[in-house]
Protein backbone atom coordinates (compact mmCIF):
# COMPACT_ATOMS: atom_id res chain seq x y z
CA MET A 1 4.66 -3.06 23.50
CA LYS A 2 2.06 -0.33 23.85
CA ASN A 3 -1.57 -1.29 24.16
CA HIS A 4 -3.69 0.01 21.28
CA GLN A 5 -6.43 -1.07 18.92
CA GLY A 6 -5.31 -2.45 15.61
CA PHE A 7 -5.87 -0.71 12.30
CA THR A 8 -4.62 -0.94 8.73
CA ILE A 9 -3.00 1.74 6.62
CA TRP A 10 -3.43 0.70 2.99
CA PHE A 11 -0.85 2.39 0.74
CA THR A 12 -2.00 2.30 -2.88
CA GLY A 13 -0.54 3.76 -6.06
CA LEU A 14 1.31 2.98 -9.25
CA PRO A 15 4.35 0.67 -9.19
CA SER A 16 7.46 2.62 -8.06
CA CYS A 17 5.47 5.56 -6.65
CA GLY A 18 6.95 5.24 -3.15
CA LYS A 19 4.46 3.07 -1.21
CA THR A 20 7.01 0.76 0.39
CA THR A 21 9.54 3.52 1.03
CA ILE A 22 6.97 5.52 3.02
CA ALA A 23 5.59 2.43 4.79
CA ASN A 24 9.11 1.37 5.83
CA GLN A 25 9.79 4.74 7.48
CA VAL A 26 6.36 4.85 9.18
CA ALA A 27 7.01 1.31 10.47
CA GLU A 28 10.40 2.27 11.86
CA ILE A 29 8.99 5.27 13.73
CA LEU A 30 6.06 3.31 15.18
CA LYS A 31 8.28 0.38 16.21
CA ASN A 32 10.65 2.81 17.96
CA LYS A 33 7.61 4.08 19.89
CA LYS A 34 6.90 0.45 20.91
CA TYR A 35 3.78 -0.15 18.81
CA ASN A 36 3.04 -3.60 17.37
CA VAL A 37 3.61 -3.13 13.65
CA GLU A 38 3.37 -5.61 10.80
CA GLN A 39 4.15 -4.82 7.19
CA LEU A 40 2.46 -6.49 4.26
CA ASP A 41 4.36 -5.59 1.11
CA GLY A 42 3.10 -6.56 -2.33
CA ASP A 43 6.42 -8.03 -3.48
CA ILE A 44 6.90 -10.12 -0.33
CA VAL A 45 3.29 -11.33 -0.18
CA ARG A 46 3.57 -12.39 -3.83
CA LYS A 47 6.73 -14.41 -3.12
CA ILE A 48 5.36 -16.17 -0.03
CA VAL A 49 1.55 -16.23 0.05
CA SER A 50 0.69 -15.78 -3.62
CA LYS A 51 3.58 -17.45 -5.42
CA ASP A 52 1.03 -19.60 -7.28
CA LEU A 53 -0.55 -16.54 -8.92
CA GLY A 54 0.24 -14.65 -12.11
CA PHE A 55 -0.82 -11.14 -13.09
CA SER A 56 -4.15 -11.70 -14.81
CA LYS A 57 -7.05 -9.65 -13.43
CA LYS A 58 -8.36 -12.79 -11.71
CA ASP A 59 -4.97 -13.54 -10.13
CA ARG A 60 -4.45 -9.93 -9.04
CA ASP A 61 -7.87 -9.93 -7.40
CA GLU A 62 -7.02 -13.18 -5.59
CA ASN A 63 -3.67 -11.76 -4.44
CA ILE A 64 -5.41 -8.73 -2.93
CA ARG A 65 -8.13 -10.95 -1.40
CA ARG A 66 -5.38 -12.88 0.42
CA ALA A 67 -3.70 -9.64 1.53
CA ILE A 68 -7.01 -8.33 2.86
CA CYS A 69 -7.48 -11.54 4.83
CA LEU A 70 -4.01 -11.20 6.38
CA ALA A 71 -4.51 -7.51 7.17
CA LYS A 72 -7.90 -8.19 8.74
CA MET A 73 -6.50 -10.92 11.03
CA LEU A 74 -3.54 -8.79 12.10
CA THR A 75 -5.77 -5.74 12.68
CA TYR A 76 -8.07 -7.88 14.83
CA ASP A 77 -4.97 -8.95 16.82
CA ASN A 78 -4.23 -5.25 17.52
CA PHE A 79 -1.38 -4.74 15.09
CA VAL A 80 -0.78 -1.57 13.14
CA VAL A 81 -0.75 -3.06 9.64
CA LEU A 82 1.07 -1.20 6.89
CA ALA A 83 -0.11 -2.72 3.62
CA SER A 84 1.71 -1.62 0.45
CA PHE A 85 -0.05 -2.88 -2.66
CA VAL A 86 -0.62 -1.36 -6.09
CA SER A 87 -4.22 -2.63 -5.71
CA PRO A 88 -5.20 -0.89 -8.94
CA TYR A 89 -8.93 -1.46 -8.79
CA ARG A 90 -11.33 0.60 -6.65
CA LYS A 91 -13.52 -2.42 -6.01
CA GLN A 92 -10.60 -4.26 -4.33
CA ARG A 93 -9.93 -1.31 -2.05
CA GLN A 94 -13.63 -0.96 -1.21
CA VAL A 95 -13.68 -4.63 -0.19
CA ALA A 96 -10.56 -4.06 1.94
CA ARG A 97 -12.22 -1.10 3.69
CA LYS A 98 -15.42 -3.08 4.32
CA GLU A 99 -13.64 -6.22 5.55
CA ILE A 100 -10.95 -4.60 7.70
CA LYS A 101 -13.15 -1.77 9.04
CA LYS A 102 -10.37 0.13 10.88
CA PHE A 103 -8.86 1.27 7.62
CA ILE A 104 -6.93 4.28 6.37
CA GLU A 105 -6.43 4.55 2.62
CA VAL A 106 -3.33 6.47 1.61
CA TYR A 107 -3.09 7.30 -2.07
CA VAL A 108 0.59 7.59 -2.96
CA ARG A 109 0.18 9.75 -6.04
CA CYS A 110 2.93 10.16 -8.59
CA PRO A 111 2.87 10.68 -12.38
CA VAL A 112 3.67 7.53 -14.34
CA GLU A 113 6.63 9.32 -16.03
CA ILE A 114 8.31 9.76 -12.62
CA CYS A 115 7.50 6.15 -11.63
CA ILE A 116 9.18 4.97 -14.84
CA GLN A 117 12.33 6.96 -13.92
CA ARG A 118 12.32 5.45 -10.39
CA ASP A 119 11.76 1.85 -11.54
CA VAL A 120 14.78 -0.05 -10.20
CA LYS A 121 13.33 -3.45 -11.18
CA GLY A 122 12.98 -2.52 -14.86
CA LEU A 123 9.32 -3.58 -14.95
CA TYR A 124 8.07 -0.50 -16.79
CA LYS A 125 10.77 -0.99 -19.43
CA LYS A 126 9.65 -4.60 -19.93
CA ALA A 127 6.00 -3.53 -20.08
CA LEU A 128 6.73 -0.77 -22.58
CA GLU A 129 8.65 -3.28 -24.72
CA GLY A 130 5.71 -5.69 -24.59
CA GLU A 131 7.42 -8.30 -22.41
CA ILE A 132 4.89 -7.81 -19.58
CA LYS A 133 1.24 -7.66 -20.52
CA ASP A 134 -1.40 -5.77 -18.51
CA PHE A 135 1.16 -3.95 -16.35
CA THR A 136 -0.52 -1.28 -14.22
CA GLY A 137 0.13 2.17 -15.61
CA VAL A 138 1.12 0.87 -19.05
CA GLY A 139 -1.25 -1.82 -20.37
CA ASP A 140 -3.74 -1.86 -17.50
CA PRO A 141 -5.37 1.11 -15.76
CA TYR A 142 -4.88 2.32 -12.21
CA GLU A 143 -8.19 3.52 -10.80
CA GLU A 144 -7.41 6.45 -8.52
CA PRO A 145 -9.08 6.39 -5.10
CA GLU A 146 -12.17 8.57 -4.95
CA HIS A 147 -12.14 9.32 -1.20
CA PRO A 148 -8.84 8.33 0.41
CA GLU A 149 -8.18 9.51 3.94
CA LEU A 150 -4.87 10.92 2.73
CA ILE A 151 -3.06 11.76 -0.51
CA VAL A 152 0.71 12.12 -0.57
CA ASP A 153 2.33 13.49 -3.72
CA THR A 154 5.73 11.83 -3.88
CA ASN A 155 6.85 13.80 -6.91
CA MET A 156 6.41 17.09 -5.00
CA GLU A 157 7.24 16.25 -1.38
CA SER A 158 10.11 14.50 0.33
CA VAL A 159 9.75 11.05 1.86
CA GLU A 160 9.96 12.74 5.28
CA GLU A 161 7.08 15.08 4.42
CA SER A 162 4.94 12.17 3.23
CA VAL A 163 5.76 10.17 6.39
CA ARG A 164 4.88 13.16 8.58
CA LYS A 165 1.53 13.50 6.78
CA VAL A 166 0.76 9.81 7.43
CA LEU A 167 1.66 10.08 11.13
CA THR A 168 -0.41 13.26 11.49
CA LYS A 169 -3.41 11.54 9.86
CA ILE A 170 -3.13 8.56 12.25
CA GLU A 171 -3.33 10.99 15.18
CA GLU A 172 -6.13 13.08 13.65
CA LEU A 173 -8.23 9.94 13.19
CA GLY A 174 -7.62 8.96 16.81
CA TYR A 175 -5.85 5.66 16.16
CA LEU A 176 -2.61 6.48 18.02
CA THR A 177 -1.08 9.24 20.09
CA LEU A 178 2.47 9.88 18.90
């Protein structure tokens, strides 16, 4: 594996906006270039590390606190961490930035109407029917990042264009040479 300093790319946005899809492709490219990459995906972290938590504000904050802890440790161990979490609250993301330090916030922006169309898990449908309370984008707000390092608009650009923008930003910030 190539020698490099660790850093975290934190993909944030509404459910079904494309965070994991973009992170998966970035991971594949970086792994093919022999970088140490670790992915932290919201769904997987919830199943393994946070299976004891629900979706109240308190539980969501605790889930993100755990994810930040994992990302910080992996970053310290010189991994490129690709963290894909809705992380709807600015305060959570500010804590992540402060704790992790080597941090790139990528806002995966997409209108909620498009996210609803893309929702393969049917979560928006359940939220709109009242089965899921406080679902981000329906019953609970998503606080857009104020100063992300990068914004990708997944309703207007292809996955490949978004991935290219992320890779370009990594180079511009001096984290990796690709």
